[in-house]
Amino acid sequence: MSTSAPSHAARRDAVGSAVILGLRSNLPQFLLLVAVNALVGGTLGQERTVLPLLAGDVFHLDSYSSALTYILAFGLAKAATNYAAGTLSDRFGRKPVLVAGWLIALPVPLLLIFGSSWSWIVAANVVLGVSQGLTWSTTVVMKMDLVGPHRRGLAMGFNEAAGYLGVAGTALFTGYLAATYGLRPAPFLLGAAFIAVGLGLSILTVRETHHHAKAEAASRSGSVAESQPAATADSRAGSGGLSSREVFTLTSFRDRSLSAVSQAGMVNNLNDGLAWGLFPVLFTGAGLPLEQVGILAAVYPAVWGAVQLVTGAASDRFGRKWLIAGGMGVQAVGLVMVAAGHGFGVWLAAAVLMGVGTAMVYPTLLAAIGDVAHPGWRARSVGVYRLWRDGGFAVGALLSGILADAYGIPSTIMVVAALTAASGVVVALRMRGTDHRR
């Protein structure tokens, strides 16, 4: 029996007539998903300015290792959920996973507002990590589904720009709310509003996109020439016939491009975890007022978010590899400036530089996964990549806490800067130049 006929029949059953891939053809849904991911980012941003200060001012934690446990909890929960999200979205569809992620987020603001001990804050971040793993991962996959192979970098630029502009705007506004009304409850009421709106949009207006991925997979099935470099490791990769275990090993270790991307993502979020947990403490310890700390906490993700609109599209035109390698180097320079500098002006320039470097890397890494992974296992490969990437939050929190307690914050930042530069070298030496135009 032919293997192609059932897939075509499934396409007709799912979509009636024909599925059209491409940004222009799917623009309303694409823009809706951009808005949804801005709300996902805003839900995370409610913590960026306030929680590091809450640890010391309200809960009186006397070590960096203890104060960073919430980032460790968040990173582990999000990383594990990222891995599961790809498999779940392949099995049950994208929209149910997205809605489930918003439902799980509902208790987070309440835990942050009413938590009477630090364990409540850690528990809130476990829940938040699970929610972010489902919602953010699913919006990534849904945009990949809609646009097809030709504008993947642009799509990821819009996705990540929306998310991190949401983080930045919320970090800035919650800094103002905290300075005006106190650390609790006002900043977290904003997060509650974001969750309510995101859930409503996802239930009422977001449409399923799994059939778009099936249409793209059908157009590529049976053609060895159309398969990506991963097919050289396993003859079934080019037709999507891989088990979840095989996708994990291929993405993590066996394929040169996929594994280089995975380690770069992990190191990128390692230094973001450092910035999230220790930068506000460093800045307040240097005597900066809370409003300026909020600005610095917002500028880094704001530049990161906005510049991705350029770098994502640029990677479609010029390729992924050197944007990733160069971006890791730029981040390392920004980290050195934070460690060696002093004062609002120097730290503002460093935050801008770190934002530019991260923007060069973030959407490009996701697009590179899409270049290599077959549509039949792309969602799972994205999940594996995001497992490693967001595992960087946990590694960063653990490493930063131990080093900061032993050697201080500036020395810790220097160590992370060296790791970031080394990661860029790995990409330069190991990653192939993927055929991003497929």
Protein backbone atom coordinates (compact mmCIF):
# COMPACT_ATOMS: atom_id res chain seq x y z
CA MET A 1 0.00 0.00 0.00
CA SER A 2 1.29 3.47 -0.80
CA THR A 3 2.48 5.49 2.16
CA SER A 4 1.76 8.84 0.52
CA ALA A 5 -1.99 8.37 0.02
CA PRO A 6 -2.94 8.25 3.71
CA SER A 7 -1.02 11.43 4.44
CA HIS A 8 -2.84 13.27 1.62
CA ALA A 9 -6.16 11.94 2.85
CA ALA A 10 -5.36 13.17 6.33
CA ARG A 11 -4.66 16.59 4.91
CA ARG A 12 -8.02 16.66 3.17
CA ASP A 13 -9.81 15.52 6.30
CA ALA A 14 -8.11 18.14 8.45
CA VAL A 15 -8.39 21.19 6.24
CA GLY A 16 -11.08 20.37 3.69
CA SER A 17 -9.35 21.47 0.49
CA ALA A 18 -5.80 22.76 0.65
CA VAL A 19 -3.32 24.12 3.14
CA ILE A 20 -1.33 27.14 1.99
CA LEU A 21 1.99 27.75 3.70
CA GLY A 22 3.55 31.19 3.92
CA LEU A 23 3.52 34.35 6.00
CA ARG A 24 1.25 36.38 3.73
CA SER A 25 -1.33 33.62 3.38
CA ASN A 26 -1.54 33.14 7.15
CA LEU A 27 -0.92 36.71 8.30
CA PRO A 28 -3.97 37.18 10.61
CA GLN A 29 -3.23 34.02 12.60
CA PHE A 30 0.49 34.78 12.60
CA LEU A 31 -0.06 38.27 14.05
CA LEU A 32 -2.47 36.86 16.61
CA LEU A 33 0.21 34.41 17.75
CA VAL A 34 2.70 37.30 17.94
CA ALA A 35 0.31 39.08 20.32
CA VAL A 36 -0.19 35.92 22.36
CA ASN A 37 3.55 35.47 22.77
CA ALA A 38 3.91 39.09 23.89
CA LEU A 39 1.55 38.17 26.72
CA VAL A 40 3.60 35.04 27.44
CA GLY A 41 6.66 37.25 27.76
CA GLY A 42 4.82 39.72 29.95
CA THR A 43 3.86 36.92 32.32
CA LEU A 44 7.56 36.16 32.76
CA GLY A 45 8.54 39.83 32.92
CA GLN A 46 6.53 40.43 36.10
CA GLU A 47 9.43 38.81 37.97
CA ARG A 48 12.53 40.31 36.30
CA THR A 49 12.87 43.45 38.41
CA VAL A 50 11.00 42.53 41.58
CA LEU A 51 11.90 38.99 42.65
CA PRO A 52 15.67 39.49 43.14
CA LEU A 53 14.82 42.39 45.48
CA LEU A 54 12.01 40.48 47.17
CA ALA A 55 14.53 37.80 48.15
CA GLY A 56 16.59 40.20 50.24
CA ASP A 57 14.13 42.88 51.35
CA VAL A 58 11.17 40.68 52.29
CA PHE A 59 12.53 37.19 52.88
CA HIS A 60 16.01 38.26 54.11
CA LEU A 61 17.95 35.57 52.27
CA ASP A 62 21.62 35.98 53.14
CA SER A 63 23.31 34.04 50.31
CA TYR A 64 23.18 34.28 46.56
CA SER A 65 22.74 30.51 46.23
CA SER A 66 19.54 30.64 48.29
CA ALA A 67 18.23 33.72 46.52
CA LEU A 68 18.66 32.14 43.08
CA THR A 69 16.73 28.96 43.87
CA TYR A 70 13.65 30.38 42.13
CA ILE A 71 15.58 30.63 38.84
CA LEU A 72 16.89 27.09 39.33
CA ALA A 73 13.32 25.85 39.88
CA PHE A 74 12.01 27.82 36.91
CA GLY A 75 14.76 26.58 34.59
CA LEU A 76 14.37 22.90 35.48
CA ALA A 77 10.58 23.03 35.16
CA LYS A 78 10.63 24.94 31.88
CA ALA A 79 13.36 22.78 30.35
CA ALA A 80 11.53 19.54 31.14
CA THR A 81 8.23 20.95 29.90
CA ASN A 82 9.82 22.20 26.66
CA TYR A 83 10.85 18.63 25.93
CA ALA A 84 7.36 17.33 26.60
CA ALA A 85 5.64 20.16 24.71
CA GLY A 86 6.89 19.03 21.31
CA THR A 87 5.68 15.47 21.79
CA LEU A 88 2.36 16.63 23.24
CA SER A 89 1.73 19.05 20.37
CA ASP A 90 2.44 16.31 17.84
CA ARG A 91 0.08 13.92 19.62
CA PHE A 92 -2.81 16.20 20.64
CA GLY A 93 -2.39 19.27 18.46
CA ARG A 94 -0.87 22.69 19.11
CA LYS A 95 -3.88 24.60 20.44
CA PRO A 96 -4.75 22.27 23.36
CA VAL A 97 -1.16 22.50 24.60
CA LEU A 98 -1.23 26.30 24.35
CA VAL A 99 -4.50 26.55 26.29
CA ALA A 100 -3.23 24.11 28.93
CA GLY A 101 -0.16 26.30 29.44
CA TRP A 102 -2.31 29.35 30.18
CA LEU A 103 -4.56 27.41 32.55
CA ILE A 104 -1.53 26.21 34.51
CA ALA A 105 -0.34 29.84 34.88
CA LEU A 106 -3.48 30.99 36.71
CA PRO A 107 -2.21 30.49 40.31
CA VAL A 108 1.21 32.09 39.73
CA PRO A 109 0.32 35.72 40.65
CA LEU A 110 -1.53 34.53 43.75
CA LEU A 111 1.49 32.56 44.96
CA LEU A 112 3.77 35.54 44.36
CA ILE A 113 1.43 37.98 46.14
CA PHE A 114 0.45 35.91 49.15
CA GLY A 115 3.51 33.70 49.58
CA SER A 116 4.54 33.78 53.23
CA SER A 117 7.87 31.99 52.80
CA TRP A 118 10.48 31.65 50.07
CA SER A 119 9.27 28.12 49.34
CA TRP A 120 6.04 29.66 48.00
CA ILE A 121 8.08 31.76 45.56
CA VAL A 122 10.03 28.72 44.44
CA ALA A 123 6.77 26.79 43.97
CA ALA A 124 5.35 29.67 41.92
CA ASN A 125 8.34 29.46 39.62
CA VAL A 126 7.94 25.72 39.14
CA VAL A 127 4.38 26.41 38.00
CA LEU A 128 5.51 29.36 35.88
CA GLY A 129 8.22 27.23 34.26
CA VAL A 130 5.70 24.57 33.26
CA SER A 131 3.36 27.21 31.87
CA GLN A 132 6.11 28.99 29.91
CA GLY A 133 7.38 25.70 28.53
CA LEU A 134 3.95 24.90 27.08
CA THR A 135 2.93 28.36 25.88
CA TRP A 136 6.19 29.70 24.47
CA SER A 137 7.21 26.40 22.86
CA THR A 138 3.82 26.06 21.22
CA THR A 139 3.79 29.58 19.76
CA VAL A 140 7.23 28.85 18.26
CA VAL A 141 6.04 25.64 16.64
CA MET A 142 2.77 27.18 15.41
CA LYS A 143 4.59 30.01 13.64
CA MET A 144 6.97 27.51 12.03
CA ASP A 145 3.93 25.54 10.89
CA LEU A 146 2.27 28.57 9.30
CA VAL A 147 5.16 30.18 7.41
CA GLY A 148 6.75 27.07 5.93
CA PRO A 149 10.46 26.92 5.10
CA HIS A 150 11.03 30.21 3.30
CA ARG A 151 10.56 32.86 6.02
CA ARG A 152 11.42 30.86 9.10
CA GLY A 153 14.06 33.27 10.41
CA LEU A 154 11.71 36.22 10.01
CA ALA A 155 8.97 34.31 11.81
CA MET A 156 11.24 33.45 14.72
CA GLY A 157 12.39 37.06 14.86
CA PHE A 158 8.80 38.23 15.27
CA ASN A 159 8.04 35.52 17.81
CA GLU A 160 11.03 36.19 20.04
CA ALA A 161 10.78 39.96 19.59
CA ALA A 162 7.19 39.92 20.81
CA GLY A 163 8.05 37.72 23.78
CA TYR A 164 11.05 39.70 24.96
CA LEU A 165 9.51 43.10 24.32
CA GLY A 166 6.74 41.79 26.58
CA VAL A 167 9.38 40.85 29.16
CA ALA A 168 11.05 44.25 28.87
CA GLY A 169 7.94 46.38 29.03
CA THR A 170 6.66 44.49 32.04
CA ALA A 171 10.05 44.63 33.80
CA LEU A 172 10.11 48.41 33.32
CA PHE A 173 6.52 48.96 34.45
CA THR A 174 6.78 46.64 37.45
CA GLY A 175 9.88 48.58 38.55
CA TYR A 176 7.77 51.72 38.54
CA LEU A 177 4.92 49.97 40.38
CA ALA A 178 7.34 48.58 42.98
CA ALA A 179 8.91 52.01 43.57
CA THR A 180 5.48 53.63 43.91
CA TYR A 181 3.36 51.01 45.66
CA GLY A 182 5.84 48.49 47.10
CA LEU A 183 7.17 45.11 46.01
CA ARG A 184 3.81 43.40 46.58
CA PRO A 185 1.05 43.10 45.37
CA ALA A 186 0.90 45.74 42.60
CA PRO A 187 3.59 44.38 40.22
CA PHE A 188 2.01 40.92 40.12
CA LEU A 189 -1.51 42.16 39.38
CA LEU A 190 -0.19 43.06 35.93
CA GLY A 191 0.87 39.46 35.42
CA ALA A 192 -2.60 38.27 36.42
CA ALA A 193 -4.15 40.50 33.74
CA PHE A 194 -1.78 39.14 31.08
CA ILE A 195 -2.70 35.56 31.95
CA ALA A 196 -6.42 36.27 31.73
CA VAL A 197 -6.14 37.95 28.32
CA GLY A 198 -3.77 35.30 26.94
CA LEU A 199 -6.09 32.49 28.00
CA GLY A 200 -9.10 34.20 26.44
CA LEU A 201 -7.36 34.82 23.11
CA SER A 202 -6.01 31.27 22.96
CA ILE A 203 -9.40 29.70 23.57
CA LEU A 204 -11.51 31.98 21.39
CA THR A 205 -9.34 33.05 18.45
CA VAL A 206 -6.25 30.86 17.96
CA ARG A 207 -6.67 28.10 15.35
CA GLU A 208 -4.92 24.74 15.12
CA THR A 209 -1.82 24.65 12.86
CA HIS A 210 -0.78 21.00 13.02
CA HIS A 211 -2.20 20.37 9.54
CA HIS A 212 0.23 22.96 8.11
CA ALA A 213 3.15 20.87 9.36
CA LYS A 214 1.59 17.74 7.87
CA ALA A 215 1.23 19.52 4.52
CA GLU A 216 4.89 20.55 4.56
CA ALA A 217 5.95 17.03 5.56
CA ALA A 218 3.91 15.52 2.71
CA SER A 219 5.59 17.82 0.21
CA ARG A 220 9.00 16.56 1.35
CA SER A 221 8.27 12.87 1.93
CA GLY A 222 10.15 10.38 -0.18
CA SER A 223 12.70 12.84 -1.50
CA VAL A 224 16.23 12.28 -0.24
CA ALA A 225 17.37 15.41 -2.02
CA GLU A 226 14.95 17.52 -0.01
CA SER A 227 15.97 16.06 3.35
CA GLN A 228 18.19 18.09 5.67
CA PRO A 229 21.70 17.21 6.93
CA ALA A 230 20.22 15.16 9.79
CA ALA A 231 19.23 12.53 7.23
CA THR A 232 22.89 11.57 6.83
CA ALA A 233 22.81 10.19 10.37
CA ASP A 234 19.67 8.15 9.86
CA SER A 235 18.02 7.31 6.55
CA ARG A 236 14.59 7.72 8.11
CA ALA A 237 15.25 11.30 9.24
CA GLY A 238 14.47 12.69 5.80
CA SER A 239 10.95 11.26 5.89
CA GLY A 240 10.22 12.06 9.55
CA GLY A 241 10.39 8.43 10.69
CA LEU A 242 12.30 8.88 13.95
CA SER A 243 11.39 7.85 17.48
CA SER A 244 11.51 10.44 20.25
CA ARG A 245 14.68 8.86 21.60
CA GLU A 246 16.34 9.14 18.20
CA VAL A 247 15.27 12.77 17.89
CA PHE A 248 16.79 13.47 21.31
CA THR A 249 20.17 11.93 20.51
CA LEU A 250 20.28 13.48 17.05
CA THR A 251 19.47 16.98 18.32
CA SER A 252 21.68 16.76 21.40
CA PHE A 253 24.79 14.96 20.16
CA ARG A 254 24.88 13.23 16.78
CA ASP A 255 24.13 15.96 14.29
CA ARG A 256 26.84 18.63 14.20
CA SER A 257 24.52 21.55 13.52
CA LEU A 258 21.75 20.55 15.91
CA SER A 259 24.15 19.82 18.76
CA ALA A 260 26.08 23.07 18.22
CA VAL A 261 22.80 24.97 18.32
CA SER A 262 21.71 23.15 21.50
CA GLN A 263 24.88 24.00 23.44
CA ALA A 264 24.78 27.63 22.28
CA GLY A 265 21.18 27.93 23.45
CA MET A 266 22.11 26.51 26.84
CA VAL A 267 25.00 28.94 27.35
CA ASN A 268 22.88 31.85 26.13
CA ASN A 269 20.27 31.22 28.81
CA LEU A 270 22.98 30.52 31.36
CA ASN A 271 24.11 34.13 31.07
CA ASP A 272 20.49 35.33 30.96
CA GLY A 273 19.87 33.51 34.24
CA LEU A 274 22.88 35.31 35.67
CA ALA A 275 21.53 38.67 34.45
CA TRP A 276 18.06 37.95 35.82
CA GLY A 277 19.21 36.90 39.28
CA LEU A 278 22.31 38.96 40.02
CA PHE A 279 22.26 42.15 37.97
CA PRO A 280 19.52 43.85 40.07
CA VAL A 281 21.44 42.92 43.23
CA LEU A 282 24.68 44.32 41.77
CA PHE A 283 22.99 47.54 40.68
CA THR A 284 21.17 48.20 43.96
CA GLY A 285 24.32 47.36 45.90
CA ALA A 286 26.09 50.09 43.91
CA GLY A 287 23.50 52.61 45.10
CA LEU A 288 21.28 52.91 42.01
CA PRO A 289 17.65 53.86 42.76
CA LEU A 290 14.95 51.31 42.02
CA GLU A 291 13.72 53.24 38.97
CA GLN A 292 17.18 52.99 37.32
CA VAL A 293 17.42 49.31 38.23
CA GLY A 294 14.08 48.82 36.47
CA ILE A 295 15.40 50.63 33.39
CA LEU A 296 18.51 48.44 33.26
CA ALA A 297 16.42 45.31 33.80
CA ALA A 298 14.20 46.39 30.88
CA VAL A 299 16.79 47.67 28.38
CA TYR A 300 18.53 44.32 27.91
CA PRO A 301 15.39 42.36 26.89
CA ALA A 302 13.97 45.41 25.04
CA VAL A 303 16.99 45.69 22.73
CA TRP A 304 17.06 41.91 22.48
CA GLY A 305 13.40 41.90 21.46
CA ALA A 306 13.47 44.78 18.97
CA VAL A 307 16.68 43.86 17.16
CA GLN A 308 15.41 40.33 16.54
CA LEU A 309 13.05 41.82 13.94
CA VAL A 310 16.20 42.57 11.91
CA THR A 311 18.42 39.61 12.80
CA GLY A 312 15.76 36.94 12.20
CA ALA A 313 15.18 38.17 8.64
CA ALA A 314 18.92 38.69 8.11
CA SER A 315 19.56 35.04 8.93
CA ASP A 316 17.17 34.05 6.12
CA ARG A 317 19.29 36.00 3.69
CA PHE A 318 22.84 35.52 4.96
CA GLY A 319 22.70 32.25 6.89
CA ARG A 320 22.60 31.24 10.53
CA LYS A 321 26.09 30.15 11.56
CA TRP A 322 28.04 33.38 11.75
CA LEU A 323 25.21 35.36 13.30
CA ILE A 324 25.15 32.81 16.11
CA ALA A 325 28.93 32.69 16.60
CA GLY A 326 29.25 36.47 16.42
CA GLY A 327 26.32 37.04 18.74
CA MET A 328 27.87 34.90 21.46
CA GLY A 329 31.04 37.00 21.20
CA VAL A 330 29.09 40.26 21.47
CA GLN A 331 27.29 38.98 24.57
CA ALA A 332 30.64 38.10 26.14
CA VAL A 333 31.91 41.66 25.61
CA GLY A 334 28.77 43.07 27.23
CA LEU A 335 29.22 40.81 30.25
CA VAL A 336 32.82 41.96 30.69
CA MET A 337 31.61 45.58 30.63
CA VAL A 338 29.11 44.84 33.41
CA ALA A 339 31.77 43.14 35.55
CA ALA A 340 34.47 45.77 35.02
CA GLY A 341 32.30 48.89 34.81
CA HIS A 342 30.55 51.03 37.38
CA GLY A 343 27.66 53.45 37.15
CA PHE A 344 24.41 53.73 35.28
CA GLY A 345 25.91 54.91 31.96
CA VAL A 346 28.40 52.06 31.58
CA TRP A 347 25.86 49.45 32.62
CA LEU A 348 23.29 50.89 30.23
CA ALA A 349 25.75 50.57 27.33
CA ALA A 350 26.56 47.01 28.42
CA ALA A 351 22.84 46.13 28.56
CA VAL A 352 22.40 47.42 25.02
CA LEU A 353 25.38 45.40 23.82
CA MET A 354 24.12 42.24 25.51
CA GLY A 355 20.71 42.80 23.95
CA VAL A 356 22.20 43.12 20.45
CA GLY A 357 24.30 39.98 20.92
CA THR A 358 21.36 37.95 22.19
CA ALA A 359 19.19 39.19 19.32
CA MET A 360 21.79 37.91 16.86
CA VAL A 361 21.54 34.47 18.47
CA TYR A 362 18.02 33.81 19.72
CA PRO A 363 15.77 33.65 16.63
CA THR A 364 18.64 32.32 14.54
CA LEU A 365 19.08 29.27 16.77
CA LEU A 366 15.39 28.38 16.44
CA ALA A 367 15.45 28.92 12.69
CA ALA A 368 18.53 26.68 12.40
CA ILE A 369 16.64 23.88 14.15
CA GLY A 370 13.82 24.36 11.63
CA ASP A 371 16.30 24.19 8.75
CA VAL A 372 17.67 20.81 9.78
CA ALA A 373 14.71 19.04 11.38
CA HIS A 374 12.13 17.33 9.17
CA PRO A 375 8.54 18.60 9.71
CA GLY A 376 7.58 15.12 10.90
CA TRP A 377 9.84 15.46 13.96
CA ARG A 378 10.52 19.21 14.02
CA ALA A 379 8.26 19.92 17.03
CA ARG A 380 10.11 17.26 19.02
CA SER A 381 13.49 18.60 17.92
CA VAL A 382 12.46 22.11 18.96
CA GLY A 383 11.43 20.63 22.31
CA VAL A 384 14.83 18.96 22.77
CA TYR A 385 16.64 22.17 21.83
CA ARG A 386 14.53 24.15 24.28
CA LEU A 387 15.19 21.51 26.94
CA TRP A 388 18.90 22.27 26.66
CA ARG A 389 18.40 26.00 26.16
CA ASP A 390 16.21 26.59 29.18
CA GLY A 391 18.23 24.13 31.21
CA GLY A 392 20.73 26.97 31.00
CA PHE A 393 18.59 28.93 33.48
CA ALA A 394 19.09 26.18 36.04
CA VAL A 395 22.81 25.79 35.33
CA GLY A 396 23.25 29.55 35.42
CA ALA A 397 21.44 29.90 38.74
CA LEU A 398 23.44 27.08 40.34
CA LEU A 399 26.81 28.16 38.96
CA SER A 400 26.23 31.87 39.58
CA GLY A 401 25.06 31.34 43.15
CA ILE A 402 28.03 29.16 44.11
CA LEU A 403 30.60 31.44 42.44
CA ALA A 404 29.04 34.67 43.74
CA ASP A 405 29.03 33.37 47.31
CA ALA A 406 32.69 32.35 46.99
CA TYR A 407 34.18 35.12 44.83
CA GLY A 408 31.62 37.91 44.45
CA ILE A 409 29.38 39.00 41.60
CA PRO A 410 31.98 40.66 39.30
CA SER A 411 34.19 37.55 39.22
CA THR A 412 31.14 35.38 38.54
CA ILE A 413 30.19 37.54 35.57
CA MET A 414 33.73 37.23 34.16
CA VAL A 415 33.54 33.42 34.32
CA VAL A 416 30.20 33.43 32.49
CA ALA A 417 31.63 35.81 29.87
CA ALA A 418 34.43 33.32 29.18
CA LEU A 419 31.93 30.46 28.83
CA THR A 420 29.85 32.53 26.42
CA ALA A 421 32.84 33.33 24.21
CA ALA A 422 33.87 29.65 24.21
CA SER A 423 30.36 28.66 23.11
CA GLY A 424 30.67 30.93 20.07
CA VAL A 425 33.92 29.21 19.14
CA VAL A 426 32.17 25.81 19.32
CA VAL A 427 29.52 27.05 16.88
CA ALA A 428 32.17 28.38 14.51
CA LEU A 429 34.04 25.07 14.49
CA ARG A 430 31.19 22.54 14.62
CA MET A 431 28.08 23.93 12.98
CA ARG A 432 27.40 23.54 9.29
CA GLY A 433 26.04 26.41 7.24
CA THR A 434 22.42 25.20 7.00
CA ASP A 435 20.46 25.63 3.78
CA HIS A 436 18.09 28.22 5.23
CA ARG A 437 16.35 28.83 1.88
CA ARG A 438 14.62 25.42 1.75
